[in-house]
Amino acid sequence: MVNGEYKIKVLAVYKYLLETDRDHSLTVPEITDKLEREYNISPDRQTLYSDLAAIEIIDPRFRKKRGVTGRFNSYWIEKEG
């Protein structure tokens, strides 16, 4: 992945999360599908987890719900108020 694609990917993931809430969260496979459809970017799972960890550091509203066995974690940005 070239540097420009990496920047687009991180920003796109954050944009997707800003459109979420507790009832409409996203999993890594869902984020991957959106990136492939909208930006023709096919990230590996590990880099997406790194992107999510970075977003967690910069936005205190970031939330994660652990998936039950065999399920993926869900991610969203908690809405204020």
N, C-alpha and C. Protein backbone atom coordinates (compact mmCIF):
# COMPACT_ATOMS: atom_id res chain seq x y z
N MET A 1 0.85 -1.17 0.00
CA MET A 1 0.00 0.00 0.00
C MET A 1 0.90 1.23 0.00
N VAL A 2 0.67 2.13 -0.93
CA VAL A 2 1.48 3.34 -1.00
C VAL A 2 1.02 4.30 0.09
N ASN A 3 1.89 5.25 0.44
CA ASN A 3 1.62 6.16 1.55
C ASN A 3 0.30 6.91 1.38
N GLY A 4 0.00 7.36 0.17
CA GLY A 4 -1.25 8.07 -0.07
C GLY A 4 -2.47 7.22 0.23
N GLU A 5 -2.42 5.95 -0.14
CA GLU A 5 -3.52 5.05 0.15
C GLU A 5 -3.66 4.84 1.66
N TYR A 6 -2.54 4.78 2.37
CA TYR A 6 -2.60 4.60 3.82
C TYR A 6 -3.33 5.77 4.47
N LYS A 7 -3.00 6.99 4.04
CA LYS A 7 -3.65 8.17 4.61
C LYS A 7 -5.14 8.17 4.30
N ILE A 8 -5.48 7.83 3.07
CA ILE A 8 -6.90 7.76 2.71
C ILE A 8 -7.61 6.72 3.56
N LYS A 9 -6.97 5.57 3.76
CA LYS A 9 -7.58 4.48 4.53
C LYS A 9 -7.88 4.92 5.96
N VAL A 10 -6.91 5.51 6.62
CA VAL A 10 -7.11 5.93 8.01
C VAL A 10 -8.23 6.96 8.10
N LEU A 11 -8.22 7.93 7.20
CA LEU A 11 -9.27 8.96 7.22
C LEU A 11 -10.63 8.37 6.90
N ALA A 12 -10.68 7.44 5.96
CA ALA A 12 -11.95 6.81 5.62
C ALA A 12 -12.50 6.00 6.79
N VAL A 13 -11.64 5.26 7.47
CA VAL A 13 -12.08 4.48 8.64
C VAL A 13 -12.66 5.42 9.70
N TYR A 14 -11.99 6.53 9.94
CA TYR A 14 -12.50 7.49 10.93
C TYR A 14 -13.83 8.07 10.48
N LYS A 15 -13.94 8.39 9.19
CA LYS A 15 -15.20 8.92 8.65
C LYS A 15 -16.32 7.90 8.86
N TYR A 16 -16.04 6.63 8.57
CA TYR A 16 -17.06 5.60 8.77
C TYR A 16 -17.50 5.54 10.23
N LEU A 17 -16.54 5.63 11.14
CA LEU A 17 -16.87 5.56 12.57
C LEU A 17 -17.69 6.77 13.02
N LEU A 18 -17.42 7.94 12.44
CA LEU A 18 -18.19 9.13 12.79
C LEU A 18 -19.65 8.99 12.39
N GLU A 19 -19.94 8.09 11.48
CA GLU A 19 -21.31 7.85 11.02
C GLU A 19 -22.00 6.74 11.81
N THR A 20 -21.34 6.23 12.85
CA THR A 20 -21.88 5.12 13.64
C THR A 20 -22.43 5.60 14.97
N ASP A 21 -23.08 4.69 15.66
CA ASP A 21 -23.45 4.86 17.06
C ASP A 21 -23.56 3.46 17.66
N ARG A 22 -23.93 3.38 18.91
CA ARG A 22 -23.98 2.08 19.59
C ARG A 22 -24.87 1.08 18.85
N ASP A 23 -25.97 1.54 18.30
CA ASP A 23 -26.90 0.65 17.62
C ASP A 23 -26.53 0.36 16.17
N HIS A 24 -25.59 1.12 15.63
CA HIS A 24 -25.17 0.96 14.23
C HIS A 24 -23.65 0.95 14.16
N SER A 25 -23.04 -0.01 14.83
CA SER A 25 -21.59 -0.12 14.90
C SER A 25 -21.06 -0.87 13.67
N LEU A 26 -19.74 -0.92 13.55
CA LEU A 26 -19.09 -1.60 12.43
C LEU A 26 -18.09 -2.62 12.94
N THR A 27 -17.94 -3.70 12.20
CA THR A 27 -16.90 -4.69 12.47
C THR A 27 -15.78 -4.50 11.45
N VAL A 28 -14.64 -5.11 11.69
CA VAL A 28 -13.51 -5.01 10.74
C VAL A 28 -13.90 -5.54 9.35
N PRO A 29 -14.60 -6.68 9.23
CA PRO A 29 -15.00 -7.11 7.89
C PRO A 29 -15.92 -6.09 7.18
N GLU A 30 -16.79 -5.44 7.93
CA GLU A 30 -17.65 -4.42 7.33
C GLU A 30 -16.85 -3.21 6.87
N ILE A 31 -15.88 -2.81 7.68
CA ILE A 31 -15.01 -1.69 7.29
C ILE A 31 -14.21 -2.06 6.04
N THR A 32 -13.69 -3.28 6.01
CA THR A 32 -12.94 -3.75 4.84
C THR A 32 -13.79 -3.69 3.59
N ASP A 33 -15.03 -4.17 3.68
CA ASP A 33 -15.94 -4.14 2.53
C ASP A 33 -16.17 -2.72 2.03
N LYS A 34 -16.38 -1.79 2.97
CA LYS A 34 -16.61 -0.40 2.58
C LYS A 34 -15.38 0.20 1.89
N LEU A 35 -14.20 -0.08 2.43
CA LEU A 35 -12.97 0.44 1.82
C LEU A 35 -12.77 -0.10 0.41
N GLU A 36 -13.05 -1.38 0.24
CA GLU A 36 -12.89 -1.99 -1.08
C GLU A 36 -13.89 -1.40 -2.08
N ARG A 37 -15.13 -1.25 -1.66
CA ARG A 37 -16.18 -0.72 -2.54
C ARG A 37 -15.95 0.75 -2.89
N GLU A 38 -15.67 1.56 -1.87
CA GLU A 38 -15.63 3.00 -2.07
C GLU A 38 -14.28 3.54 -2.54
N TYR A 39 -13.18 2.88 -2.15
CA TYR A 39 -11.86 3.42 -2.46
C TYR A 39 -10.94 2.43 -3.17
N ASN A 40 -11.44 1.24 -3.43
CA ASN A 40 -10.63 0.20 -4.08
C ASN A 40 -9.34 -0.08 -3.29
N ILE A 41 -9.47 -0.05 -1.97
CA ILE A 41 -8.35 -0.34 -1.07
C ILE A 41 -8.67 -1.65 -0.35
N SER A 42 -7.72 -2.59 -0.39
CA SER A 42 -7.90 -3.89 0.27
C SER A 42 -6.91 -4.00 1.43
N PRO A 43 -7.26 -3.49 2.60
CA PRO A 43 -6.33 -3.53 3.72
C PRO A 43 -6.29 -4.90 4.37
N ASP A 44 -5.15 -5.21 4.99
CA ASP A 44 -5.14 -6.44 5.77
C ASP A 44 -5.70 -6.12 7.16
N ARG A 45 -6.18 -7.14 7.80
CA ARG A 45 -6.87 -6.98 9.08
C ARG A 45 -5.99 -6.32 10.14
N GLN A 46 -4.72 -6.69 10.18
CA GLN A 46 -3.83 -6.16 11.21
C GLN A 46 -3.66 -4.64 11.09
N THR A 47 -3.56 -4.12 9.87
CA THR A 47 -3.42 -2.66 9.73
C THR A 47 -4.70 -1.95 10.15
N LEU A 48 -5.84 -2.58 9.91
CA LEU A 48 -7.08 -1.95 10.36
C LEU A 48 -7.14 -1.88 11.89
N TYR A 49 -6.67 -2.92 12.55
CA TYR A 49 -6.63 -2.87 14.01
C TYR A 49 -5.69 -1.77 14.49
N SER A 50 -4.59 -1.56 13.80
CA SER A 50 -3.67 -0.46 14.14
C SER A 50 -4.35 0.89 13.93
N ASP A 51 -5.08 1.02 12.83
CA ASP A 51 -5.82 2.27 12.57
C ASP A 51 -6.85 2.52 13.67
N LEU A 52 -7.58 1.49 14.06
CA LEU A 52 -8.57 1.64 15.12
C LEU A 52 -7.92 2.02 16.45
N ALA A 53 -6.76 1.47 16.74
CA ALA A 53 -6.03 1.83 17.96
C ALA A 53 -5.62 3.29 17.94
N ALA A 54 -5.20 3.78 16.77
CA ALA A 54 -4.82 5.20 16.65
C ALA A 54 -6.03 6.10 16.83
N ILE A 55 -7.16 5.71 16.25
CA ILE A 55 -8.38 6.50 16.39
C ILE A 55 -8.82 6.51 17.85
N GLU A 56 -8.66 5.40 18.54
CA GLU A 56 -9.02 5.33 19.96
C GLU A 56 -8.21 6.34 20.77
N ILE A 57 -6.96 6.55 20.39
CA ILE A 57 -6.10 7.51 21.10
C ILE A 57 -6.56 8.95 20.86
N ILE A 58 -6.96 9.28 19.63
CA ILE A 58 -7.29 10.68 19.33
C ILE A 58 -8.73 11.06 19.62
N ASP A 59 -9.63 10.10 19.72
CA ASP A 59 -11.03 10.44 19.97
C ASP A 59 -11.55 9.68 21.19
N PRO A 60 -11.75 10.39 22.30
CA PRO A 60 -12.19 9.72 23.53
C PRO A 60 -13.60 9.14 23.43
N ARG A 61 -14.33 9.47 22.39
CA ARG A 61 -15.69 8.92 22.21
C ARG A 61 -15.67 7.53 21.57
N PHE A 62 -14.50 7.08 21.15
CA PHE A 62 -14.35 5.77 20.51
C PHE A 62 -14.77 4.67 21.49
N ARG A 63 -15.57 3.74 20.99
CA ARG A 63 -16.02 2.62 21.81
C ARG A 63 -15.82 1.31 21.06
N LYS A 64 -15.67 0.24 21.85
CA LYS A 64 -15.50 -1.10 21.29
C LYS A 64 -16.29 -2.07 22.15
N LYS A 65 -17.01 -2.96 21.49
CA LYS A 65 -17.70 -4.04 22.19
C LYS A 65 -17.11 -5.35 21.70
N ARG A 66 -16.62 -6.13 22.62
CA ARG A 66 -16.03 -7.41 22.27
C ARG A 66 -17.10 -8.35 21.73
N GLY A 67 -16.74 -9.02 20.65
CA GLY A 67 -17.65 -10.00 20.08
C GLY A 67 -17.65 -11.27 20.91
N VAL A 68 -18.76 -11.96 20.90
CA VAL A 68 -18.81 -13.26 21.58
C VAL A 68 -17.99 -14.24 20.75
N THR A 69 -17.70 -15.37 21.27
CA THR A 69 -16.84 -16.35 20.60
C THR A 69 -17.26 -16.53 19.14
N GLY A 70 -16.29 -16.39 18.27
CA GLY A 70 -16.56 -16.56 16.85
C GLY A 70 -17.08 -15.31 16.16
N ARG A 71 -17.27 -14.25 16.90
CA ARG A 71 -17.79 -13.00 16.33
C ARG A 71 -16.72 -11.92 16.42
N PHE A 72 -16.83 -10.93 15.55
CA PHE A 72 -15.88 -9.82 15.55
C PHE A 72 -16.31 -8.74 16.53
N ASN A 73 -15.33 -7.98 17.01
CA ASN A 73 -15.62 -6.82 17.83
C ASN A 73 -16.39 -5.80 17.00
N SER A 74 -17.18 -4.98 17.70
CA SER A 74 -17.91 -3.89 17.06
C SER A 74 -17.32 -2.57 17.52
N TYR A 75 -17.28 -1.59 16.62
CA TYR A 75 -16.67 -0.28 16.92
C TYR A 75 -17.64 0.83 16.55
N TRP A 76 -17.62 1.90 17.34
CA TRP A 76 -18.44 3.07 17.02
C TRP A 76 -17.88 4.28 17.75
N ILE A 77 -18.42 5.44 17.39
CA ILE A 77 -18.11 6.69 18.09
C ILE A 77 -19.37 7.05 18.87
N GLU A 78 -19.23 7.16 20.17
CA GLU A 78 -20.35 7.49 21.05
C GLU A 78 -20.78 8.93 20.79
N LYS A 79 -22.05 9.12 20.61
CA LYS A 79 -22.58 10.47 20.39
C LYS A 79 -22.70 11.19 21.73
N GLU A 80 -22.41 12.48 21.70
CA GLU A 80 -22.50 13.28 22.92
C GLU A 80 -23.94 13.67 23.19
N GLY A 81 -24.27 13.79 24.47
CA GLY A 81 -25.57 14.29 24.86
C GLY A 81 -26.59 13.27 24.80
